[in-house]
């Protein structure tokens, strides 16, 4: 686990005034990474770091003479069109760059340093974002026990929780090519479904389109083929985390998942937020892993250690907003339809990574590990419409417009947001992950 240091000081302030505004997602204690360029330009994408409402351009920073040593090497790696090279350098390099940026951005920085860094700033409002990484591999886990029980009850009422769920972090390999950055709209997918009472499957547009509130862990330093990563070392291989929406065609998914895992029900689109919050920035918000009551399965030794149980969880507050066409037409904010916390996940990100490598799988820098839907212990904390609407039997009423939703309709935008706050720590955020449903093609 990352120890706290001077970069976590809640009293620290930046000379970038917007970073000091209460409720800001990107204060000096955060400093997340993204890939961007100026809107409307054909200039190369490159890495940047958020501070308030600005972006520190790592390409300009690397040429400014503001840093040296490992921090400079990390800035050069981060200046590339994807962050894979920076992530591959490991936690020490990312930490060196974080500390150097912290010193350059703090309000007590000397005037010459401030002048150099001002020339490296781009307003976030003027930026276009790309995927943070070249996505070579994407694995989606299934680690929320309330979600597993809620959805499992719809498919297997007699045994909603699969026998293996409490013994290992379950996952499937997702489609890397259809991972898109926040703000990318997508068409309602076509596929097969087997409606209730039908004699044969039907082909057509998805009728039960859903979102899934998830987070994503980005692999930093990879491991060699055949080399397992022990639990105690797992977080050294995780660069940071972001928001992820695993869009799901429920009618297609439930029909095709017999006997294998998701295919067309999941492979048409997965949205990720532009900003990657480092594990260092998340250090003040660590919480115990979910406790296993006596009499329930306990993790096998390779998935258990005292440090992970003591602080393997992360308390990330999460919300989902649904913005209909009427919300936009009337200038209304998205209707919040659920709110929960990542601290409820049954398996930690370290356990997910260790499980992924235990058979010898070689992870690569920039690989995406989706956490699975994040649902809390109550109905109001569910992370998907299929749960919130009880399989479409109880419609949701959207605040502001009074519209009802059993599943997503064309024109609906789903907006995920996340942030962390705790006593004695500065609030930090993840920005948003947004996507809009377009009508089916064909």
Protein backbone atom coordinates (compact mmCIF):
# COMPACT_ATOMS: atom_id res chain seq x y z
CA UNK A 1 0.00 0.00 0.00
CA UNK A 2 1.19 3.53 -0.79
CA UNK A 3 2.31 5.45 2.32
CA UNK A 4 1.11 9.01 2.86
CA UNK A 5 3.61 11.79 2.12
CA UNK A 6 3.78 15.57 1.63
CA UNK A 7 1.73 15.36 -1.60
CA UNK A 8 -1.31 14.29 0.46
CA UNK A 9 -1.20 17.31 2.80
CA UNK A 10 -4.84 18.51 2.92
CA UNK A 11 -3.70 22.08 3.62
CA UNK A 12 -1.60 22.30 0.43
CA UNK A 13 -2.82 24.83 -2.12
CA UNK A 14 -1.85 25.61 -5.70
CA UNK A 15 -1.12 28.87 -7.51
CA UNK A 16 -3.70 27.61 -10.04
CA UNK A 17 -6.68 29.23 -8.32
CA UNK A 18 -9.31 26.83 -9.72
CA UNK A 19 -7.57 23.92 -7.98
CA UNK A 20 -8.43 25.44 -4.59
CA UNK A 21 -12.18 25.78 -5.13
CA UNK A 22 -14.13 23.57 -2.68
CA UNK A 23 -15.49 20.47 -4.41
CA UNK A 24 -12.95 20.64 -7.24
CA UNK A 25 -12.19 17.19 -8.68
CA UNK A 26 -8.57 18.06 -9.41
CA UNK A 27 -6.85 19.77 -6.49
CA UNK A 28 -3.08 19.60 -6.10
CA UNK A 29 -3.47 16.40 -4.03
CA UNK A 30 -4.89 14.53 -7.07
CA UNK A 31 -2.88 15.20 -10.28
CA UNK A 32 -4.48 12.51 -12.52
CA UNK A 33 -3.29 11.66 -16.04
CA UNK A 34 -5.09 11.79 -19.40
CA UNK A 35 -4.31 11.98 -23.13
CA UNK A 36 -5.48 15.13 -24.95
CA UNK A 37 -5.00 17.68 -27.69
CA UNK A 38 -6.53 21.07 -28.53
CA UNK A 39 -10.12 20.81 -29.75
CA UNK A 40 -10.44 21.26 -33.50
CA UNK A 41 -6.74 20.74 -34.14
CA UNK A 42 -4.82 18.00 -35.89
CA UNK A 43 -1.90 18.21 -33.46
CA UNK A 44 -0.68 14.97 -31.89
CA UNK A 45 -2.36 13.60 -28.80
CA UNK A 46 -0.09 13.61 -25.74
CA UNK A 47 -0.26 13.03 -22.02
CA UNK A 48 -1.38 15.66 -19.56
CA UNK A 49 -2.03 16.10 -15.85
CA UNK A 50 -5.10 17.83 -14.42
CA UNK A 51 -4.81 20.74 -11.98
CA UNK A 52 -8.04 22.61 -11.28
CA UNK A 53 -9.62 23.44 -14.63
CA UNK A 54 -6.28 23.25 -16.47
CA UNK A 55 -4.07 20.54 -17.99
CA UNK A 56 -0.30 20.45 -17.60
CA UNK A 57 0.94 19.49 -21.07
CA UNK A 58 3.62 16.85 -20.45
CA UNK A 59 5.16 17.38 -23.90
CA UNK A 60 5.75 21.07 -23.16
CA UNK A 61 6.78 20.31 -19.61
CA UNK A 62 9.45 17.86 -20.74
CA UNK A 63 10.98 20.64 -22.92
CA UNK A 64 10.73 23.37 -20.28
CA UNK A 65 13.79 22.47 -18.24
CA UNK A 66 11.68 22.32 -15.09
CA UNK A 67 12.67 18.79 -14.04
CA UNK A 68 15.50 16.31 -14.21
CA UNK A 69 16.30 12.71 -13.30
CA UNK A 70 13.53 10.14 -13.02
CA UNK A 71 10.78 12.80 -13.06
CA UNK A 72 12.04 14.08 -16.41
CA UNK A 73 12.21 10.55 -17.81
CA UNK A 74 8.63 9.96 -16.67
CA UNK A 75 7.46 13.23 -18.25
CA UNK A 76 9.04 12.22 -21.58
CA UNK A 77 7.26 8.84 -21.40
CA UNK A 78 3.98 10.55 -20.52
CA UNK A 79 4.31 12.96 -23.44
CA UNK A 80 3.59 10.16 -25.92
CA UNK A 81 0.17 9.62 -27.57
CA UNK A 82 -0.66 6.89 -25.03
CA UNK A 83 0.33 6.47 -21.38
CA UNK A 84 1.47 2.83 -21.75
CA UNK A 85 5.18 3.71 -21.63
CA UNK A 86 4.77 5.81 -18.49
CA UNK A 87 2.72 3.07 -16.83
CA UNK A 88 5.38 0.48 -17.74
CA UNK A 89 8.02 2.44 -15.80
CA UNK A 90 6.41 1.40 -12.51
CA UNK A 91 5.29 3.25 -9.38
CA UNK A 92 8.62 4.92 -8.56
CA UNK A 93 8.66 6.83 -11.85
CA UNK A 94 5.03 7.93 -11.55
CA UNK A 95 5.69 9.00 -7.96
CA UNK A 96 8.76 11.02 -8.96
CA UNK A 97 6.71 12.88 -11.58
CA UNK A 98 3.86 13.40 -9.13
CA UNK A 99 6.20 14.88 -6.52
CA UNK A 100 7.93 17.14 -9.05
CA UNK A 101 4.59 18.44 -10.32
CA UNK A 102 3.36 18.96 -6.76
CA UNK A 103 6.40 21.13 -6.00
CA UNK A 104 6.02 23.12 -9.23
CA UNK A 105 2.28 23.70 -8.73
CA UNK A 106 2.15 24.53 -5.02
CA UNK A 107 1.47 28.14 -4.12
CA UNK A 108 4.96 28.56 -2.61
CA UNK A 109 6.76 27.60 -5.85
CA UNK A 110 9.32 30.18 -6.98
CA UNK A 111 8.38 32.71 -9.64
CA UNK A 112 10.62 31.32 -12.36
CA UNK A 113 9.14 27.83 -11.95
CA UNK A 114 5.60 29.24 -12.04
CA UNK A 115 6.36 31.20 -15.21
CA UNK A 116 7.72 28.10 -16.96
CA UNK A 117 4.75 25.98 -15.93
CA UNK A 118 2.17 28.59 -16.95
CA UNK A 119 3.37 28.15 -20.52
CA UNK A 120 2.55 24.42 -20.23
CA UNK A 121 -1.12 24.88 -19.30
CA UNK A 122 -4.14 24.20 -21.51
CA UNK A 123 -7.73 24.83 -20.33
CA UNK A 124 -9.67 21.58 -19.96
CA UNK A 125 -12.61 23.25 -21.69
CA UNK A 126 -10.45 23.57 -24.83
CA UNK A 127 -9.27 19.94 -24.83
CA UNK A 128 -10.29 16.86 -26.80
CA UNK A 129 -9.57 13.57 -25.03
CA UNK A 130 -8.52 10.19 -26.38
CA UNK A 131 -8.26 6.84 -24.64
CA UNK A 132 -5.57 7.12 -21.95
CA UNK A 133 -3.84 3.97 -23.21
CA UNK A 134 -3.53 1.67 -26.18
CA UNK A 135 -5.88 -1.04 -24.96
CA UNK A 136 -4.23 -4.35 -25.77
CA UNK A 137 -6.34 -6.43 -23.37
CA UNK A 138 -9.53 -5.87 -21.39
CA UNK A 139 -10.75 -8.17 -18.62
CA UNK A 140 -14.03 -7.55 -16.81
CA UNK A 141 -14.49 -8.95 -13.32
CA UNK A 142 -17.66 -9.74 -11.39
CA UNK A 143 -16.91 -8.74 -7.80
CA UNK A 144 -20.02 -7.21 -6.20
CA UNK A 145 -21.91 -9.76 -4.15
CA UNK A 146 -25.14 -7.68 -4.03
CA UNK A 147 -25.04 -7.35 -7.84
CA UNK A 148 -24.32 -11.06 -8.27
CA UNK A 149 -27.26 -11.97 -6.04
CA UNK A 150 -29.63 -9.45 -7.63
CA UNK A 151 -28.94 -10.48 -11.22
CA UNK A 152 -28.45 -14.13 -10.37
CA UNK A 153 -31.91 -14.25 -8.83
CA UNK A 154 -33.40 -13.25 -12.21
CA UNK A 155 -31.55 -16.04 -14.04
CA UNK A 156 -31.31 -18.75 -11.35
CA UNK A 157 -33.89 -18.03 -8.62
CA UNK A 158 -33.03 -21.27 -6.81
CA UNK A 159 -29.28 -20.52 -6.71
CA UNK A 160 -28.64 -16.80 -7.43
CA UNK A 161 -25.01 -16.84 -6.24
CA UNK A 162 -22.76 -19.18 -8.20
CA UNK A 163 -20.81 -21.66 -6.03
CA UNK A 164 -17.44 -20.14 -7.02
CA UNK A 165 -18.23 -16.46 -6.35
CA UNK A 166 -16.98 -16.42 -2.75
CA UNK A 167 -13.86 -18.43 -3.60
CA UNK A 168 -12.30 -16.45 -6.45
CA UNK A 169 -12.70 -13.21 -8.41
CA UNK A 170 -14.71 -14.28 -11.49
CA UNK A 171 -14.00 -12.56 -14.82
CA UNK A 172 -14.33 -12.81 -18.59
CA UNK A 173 -12.15 -11.42 -21.37
CA UNK A 174 -13.86 -8.41 -22.96
CA UNK A 175 -13.45 -6.81 -26.36
CA UNK A 176 -10.54 -4.31 -26.40
CA UNK A 177 -11.39 -2.82 -29.81
CA UNK A 178 -14.75 -1.40 -28.69
CA UNK A 179 -13.43 0.42 -25.60
CA UNK A 180 -14.09 4.13 -26.25
CA UNK A 181 -13.37 7.40 -24.43
CA UNK A 182 -16.04 9.26 -22.50
CA UNK A 183 -18.29 11.30 -24.75
CA UNK A 184 -18.36 8.73 -27.56
CA UNK A 185 -21.96 7.98 -28.61
CA UNK A 186 -22.91 4.49 -29.79
CA UNK A 187 -25.76 2.77 -31.65
CA UNK A 188 -28.17 0.41 -29.97
CA UNK A 189 -26.86 -3.08 -30.82
CA UNK A 190 -28.56 -5.76 -32.88
CA UNK A 191 -28.61 -9.41 -31.84
CA UNK A 192 -30.63 -12.47 -30.86
CA UNK A 193 -32.96 -12.65 -27.88
CA UNK A 194 -35.46 -15.20 -26.62
CA UNK A 195 -38.51 -13.26 -25.35
CA UNK A 196 -40.68 -14.80 -22.65
CA UNK A 197 -43.29 -17.09 -24.15
CA UNK A 198 -41.62 -17.24 -27.57
CA UNK A 199 -41.14 -20.52 -29.40
CA UNK A 200 -37.87 -19.45 -31.06
CA UNK A 201 -35.30 -16.67 -30.74
CA UNK A 202 -35.80 -13.38 -32.55
CA UNK A 203 -33.31 -11.03 -34.18
CA UNK A 204 -33.47 -7.27 -33.80
CA UNK A 205 -32.41 -4.20 -31.82
CA UNK A 206 -31.72 -4.71 -28.12
CA UNK A 207 -34.92 -4.11 -26.15
CA UNK A 208 -33.31 -4.19 -22.68
CA UNK A 209 -30.30 -1.91 -22.96
CA UNK A 210 -28.50 -1.24 -19.70
CA UNK A 211 -25.47 0.48 -18.21
CA UNK A 212 -23.12 -0.97 -15.60
CA UNK A 213 -21.46 1.31 -13.07
CA UNK A 214 -17.86 0.10 -12.81
CA UNK A 215 -14.34 1.26 -12.15
CA UNK A 216 -11.27 0.28 -14.13
CA UNK A 217 -7.78 -0.49 -12.85
CA UNK A 218 -4.94 0.18 -15.31
CA UNK A 219 -2.05 -2.26 -15.26
CA UNK A 220 1.26 -0.45 -14.85
CA UNK A 221 4.31 -2.68 -14.87
CA UNK A 222 3.49 -5.99 -16.53
CA UNK A 223 4.65 -9.52 -15.69
CA UNK A 224 6.35 -12.17 -17.80
CA UNK A 225 4.47 -15.13 -19.26
CA UNK A 226 4.40 -17.85 -16.60
CA UNK A 227 5.19 -15.42 -13.79
CA UNK A 228 2.50 -15.01 -11.13
CA UNK A 229 2.18 -11.80 -9.12
CA UNK A 230 1.82 -12.44 -5.36
CA UNK A 231 -0.91 -10.55 -3.56
CA UNK A 232 1.60 -8.55 -1.50
CA UNK A 233 3.12 -7.19 -4.74
CA UNK A 234 -0.08 -6.79 -6.79
CA UNK A 235 -0.57 -3.05 -6.27
CA UNK A 236 2.97 -2.38 -7.52
CA UNK A 237 1.54 -3.48 -10.89
CA UNK A 238 -1.49 -1.11 -10.80
CA UNK A 239 -0.90 2.41 -12.09
CA UNK A 240 -4.27 3.93 -11.23
CA UNK A 241 -8.03 3.83 -11.63
CA UNK A 242 -10.83 5.45 -13.59
CA UNK A 243 -14.55 5.12 -14.29
CA UNK A 244 -15.96 2.49 -16.66
CA UNK A 245 -19.43 1.89 -18.12
CA UNK A 246 -19.89 -1.69 -19.31
CA UNK A 247 -22.91 -1.14 -21.57
CA UNK A 248 -25.01 -4.30 -21.65
CA UNK A 249 -27.68 -5.70 -23.96
CA UNK A 250 -29.52 -7.74 -21.32
CA UNK A 251 -31.92 -9.60 -23.63
CA UNK A 252 -29.04 -10.68 -25.87
CA UNK A 253 -26.76 -11.41 -22.91
CA UNK A 254 -29.14 -13.65 -20.99
CA UNK A 255 -29.93 -15.70 -24.11
CA UNK A 256 -26.32 -16.23 -25.18
CA UNK A 257 -24.90 -16.97 -21.70
CA UNK A 258 -25.77 -20.66 -21.88
CA UNK A 259 -23.27 -22.08 -21.26
CA UNK A 260 -20.47 -19.56 -21.98
CA UNK A 261 -19.98 -16.00 -20.79
CA UNK A 262 -20.97 -12.67 -22.36
CA UNK A 263 -20.37 -12.17 -26.08
CA UNK A 264 -22.54 -9.81 -28.19
CA UNK A 265 -24.35 -8.67 -25.06
CA UNK A 266 -21.18 -6.85 -23.99
CA UNK A 267 -18.85 -6.38 -26.95
CA UNK A 268 -20.50 -3.44 -28.75
CA UNK A 269 -19.23 -0.61 -26.48
CA UNK A 270 -17.38 0.01 -23.21
CA UNK A 271 -16.82 3.62 -22.09
CA UNK A 272 -13.96 4.84 -19.89
CA UNK A 273 -13.36 8.22 -18.30
CA UNK A 274 -10.41 10.27 -19.62
CA UNK A 275 -8.67 10.74 -16.27
CA UNK A 276 -6.58 8.07 -14.53
CA UNK A 277 -6.25 8.72 -10.80
CA UNK A 278 -3.02 7.20 -9.48
CA UNK A 279 -2.89 4.74 -6.63
CA UNK A 280 -0.73 7.30 -4.80
CA UNK A 281 -3.56 9.86 -4.94
CA UNK A 282 -5.99 7.24 -3.57
CA UNK A 283 -3.83 6.42 -0.53
CA UNK A 284 -5.80 8.56 2.00
CA UNK A 285 -9.03 6.75 1.12
CA UNK A 286 -8.05 3.16 1.82
CA UNK A 287 -10.49 1.12 3.91
CA UNK A 288 -10.64 -2.51 5.05
CA UNK A 289 -11.57 -5.17 2.53
CA UNK A 290 -15.05 -6.65 2.90
CA UNK A 291 -15.14 -8.88 5.97
CA UNK A 292 -16.00 -12.56 5.56
CA UNK A 293 -18.29 -13.62 8.42
CA UNK A 294 -17.44 -16.81 10.27
CA UNK A 295 -18.97 -19.81 8.56
CA UNK A 296 -18.66 -18.30 5.07
CA UNK A 297 -15.86 -19.21 2.62
CA UNK A 298 -12.54 -17.53 3.41
CA UNK A 299 -10.02 -16.62 0.67
CA UNK A 300 -7.46 -19.31 -0.10
CA UNK A 301 -3.93 -18.42 1.11
CA UNK A 302 -2.76 -16.97 -2.23
CA UNK A 303 -5.67 -14.48 -2.13
CA UNK A 304 -5.26 -13.49 1.51
CA UNK A 305 -2.86 -11.41 3.54
CA UNK A 306 -3.22 -9.09 6.52
CA UNK A 307 -2.32 -5.89 4.66
CA UNK A 308 -4.94 -6.49 1.97
CA UNK A 309 -7.62 -7.22 4.55
CA UNK A 310 -6.67 -4.16 6.58
CA UNK A 311 -6.58 -1.61 3.74
CA UNK A 312 -7.27 -3.33 0.40
CA UNK A 313 -10.57 -1.51 -0.13
CA UNK A 314 -10.95 2.02 -1.53
CA UNK A 315 -13.83 4.31 -0.58
CA UNK A 316 -14.81 5.90 -3.89
CA UNK A 317 -18.23 7.55 -3.86
CA UNK A 318 -20.08 6.92 -7.12
CA UNK A 319 -23.22 8.25 -8.78
CA UNK A 320 -25.10 7.58 -12.02
CA UNK A 321 -27.09 10.29 -13.76
CA UNK A 322 -29.57 9.63 -16.57
CA UNK A 323 -30.03 12.55 -18.96
CA UNK A 324 -32.94 12.15 -21.37
CA UNK A 325 -33.69 14.19 -24.48
CA UNK A 326 -36.19 16.17 -22.35
CA UNK A 327 -33.50 16.98 -19.77
CA UNK A 328 -31.33 18.47 -22.50
CA UNK A 329 -34.24 20.25 -24.20
CA UNK A 330 -35.26 21.88 -20.91
CA UNK A 331 -31.71 22.59 -19.72
CA UNK A 332 -32.11 20.30 -16.70
CA UNK A 333 -29.34 18.36 -14.98
CA UNK A 334 -29.25 14.60 -15.36
CA UNK A 335 -31.50 12.73 -12.93
CA UNK A 336 -29.46 10.87 -10.33
CA UNK A 337 -30.72 7.28 -10.30
CA UNK A 338 -28.23 5.58 -7.98
CA UNK A 339 -25.42 6.31 -5.53
CA UNK A 340 -23.03 3.82 -3.96
CA UNK A 341 -19.38 3.23 -2.98
CA UNK A 342 -16.59 1.07 -4.36
CA UNK A 343 -15.80 -0.01 -0.80
CA UNK A 344 -18.58 -2.63 -1.05
CA UNK A 345 -16.76 -4.79 -3.64
CA UNK A 346 -16.28 -8.34 -2.37
CA UNK A 347 -12.82 -8.68 -3.96
CA UNK A 348 -10.10 -5.99 -3.97
CA UNK A 349 -8.22 -4.76 -7.04
CA UNK A 350 -5.09 -6.49 -5.70
CA UNK A 351 -6.95 -9.81 -5.48
CA UNK A 352 -8.25 -9.33 -9.03
CA UNK A 353 -4.76 -8.80 -10.42
CA UNK A 354 -3.28 -11.71 -8.47
CA UNK A 355 -6.06 -14.02 -9.63
CA UNK A 356 -5.50 -12.91 -13.23
CA UNK A 357 -1.84 -13.94 -13.11
CA UNK A 358 -1.97 -17.02 -10.87
CA UNK A 359 -2.03 -19.39 -13.84
CA UNK A 360 0.83 -17.59 -15.58
CA UNK A 361 -1.07 -15.01 -17.67
CA UNK A 362 1.19 -12.13 -18.69
CA UNK A 363 -0.42 -8.73 -18.14
CA UNK A 364 0.78 -5.76 -20.20
CA UNK A 365 1.09 -2.09 -19.38
CA UNK A 366 -2.20 -0.35 -20.07
CA UNK A 367 -4.33 -3.49 -19.77
CA UNK A 368 -7.81 -2.72 -18.41
CA UNK A 369 -9.21 -4.61 -15.43
CA UNK A 370 -12.89 -3.76 -15.07
CA UNK A 371 -14.13 -4.22 -11.51
CA UNK A 372 -17.58 -5.48 -12.44
CA UNK A 373 -20.80 -3.69 -11.55
CA UNK A 374 -20.59 -1.80 -8.26
CA UNK A 375 -23.76 -2.32 -6.24
CA UNK A 376 -24.18 -1.60 -2.57
CA UNK A 377 -26.14 -3.59 0.00
CA UNK A 378 -29.46 -1.74 -0.51
CA UNK A 379 -31.76 -1.55 -3.55
CA UNK A 380 -31.08 2.19 -3.92
CA UNK A 381 -27.35 1.45 -4.31
CA UNK A 382 -27.69 -0.86 -7.32
CA UNK A 383 -25.29 -0.21 -10.20
CA UNK A 384 -27.47 -1.19 -13.18
CA UNK A 385 -31.03 -0.56 -14.38
CA UNK A 386 -31.76 -4.28 -14.48
CA UNK A 387 -31.41 -4.21 -10.68
CA UNK A 388 -32.97 -0.80 -10.04
CA UNK A 389 -36.08 -1.71 -12.08
CA UNK A 390 -36.21 -5.31 -10.80
CA UNK A 391 -35.71 -6.72 -14.27
CA UNK A 392 -37.95 -4.13 -15.88
CA UNK A 393 -40.95 -4.86 -13.65
CA UNK A 394 -40.74 -1.62 -11.64
CA UNK A 395 -40.04 1.50 -13.72
CA UNK A 396 -37.81 4.32 -12.47
CA UNK A 397 -39.21 7.86 -12.42
CA UNK A 398 -36.68 10.44 -13.57
CA UNK A 399 -36.37 13.60 -11.49
CA UNK A 400 -37.02 16.80 -13.41
CA UNK A 401 -39.11 15.33 -16.22
CA UNK A 402 -41.22 12.63 -14.59
CA UNK A 403 -40.38 10.19 -17.39
CA UNK A 404 -40.24 6.47 -16.64
CA UNK A 405 -37.51 4.03 -17.54
CA UNK A 406 -37.43 0.25 -17.34
CA UNK A 407 -34.31 0.15 -19.54
CA UNK A 408 -32.43 2.77 -21.57
CA UNK A 409 -34.13 4.49 -24.50
CA UNK A 410 -32.63 6.09 -27.60
CA UNK A 411 -31.31 9.57 -26.80
CA UNK A 412 -30.55 8.72 -23.16
CA UNK A 413 -27.12 9.77 -21.90
CA UNK A 414 -25.66 8.02 -18.86
CA UNK A 415 -23.16 9.98 -16.76
CA UNK A 416 -20.95 8.26 -14.18
CA UNK A 417 -19.16 10.36 -11.57
CA UNK A 418 -16.79 9.44 -8.75
CA UNK A 419 -14.95 11.16 -5.94
CA UNK A 420 -13.19 10.44 -2.64
CA UNK A 421 -13.43 12.34 0.62
CA UNK A 422 -12.42 11.49 4.16
CA UNK A 423 -11.61 13.32 7.41
CA UNK A 424 -8.12 14.77 7.30
CA UNK A 425 -7.83 14.44 3.51
CA UNK A 426 -8.48 16.72 0.54
CA UNK A 427 -11.41 15.72 -1.65
CA UNK A 428 -10.37 14.38 -5.06
CA UNK A 429 -12.46 13.34 -8.05
CA UNK A 430 -12.44 11.28 -11.24
CA UNK A 431 -14.36 13.63 -13.54
CA UNK A 432 -17.12 11.96 -15.52
CA UNK A 433 -17.72 9.07 -17.89
CA UNK A 434 -20.49 9.85 -20.39
CA UNK A 435 -22.11 8.07 -23.33
CA UNK A 436 -25.31 8.55 -25.32
CA UNK A 437 -27.51 5.88 -26.91
CA UNK A 438 -28.21 6.36 -30.62
CA UNK A 439 -30.87 4.44 -32.59
CA UNK A 440 -29.94 1.04 -33.99
CA UNK A 441 -28.54 0.87 -37.51
CA UNK A 442 -30.04 -1.35 -40.19
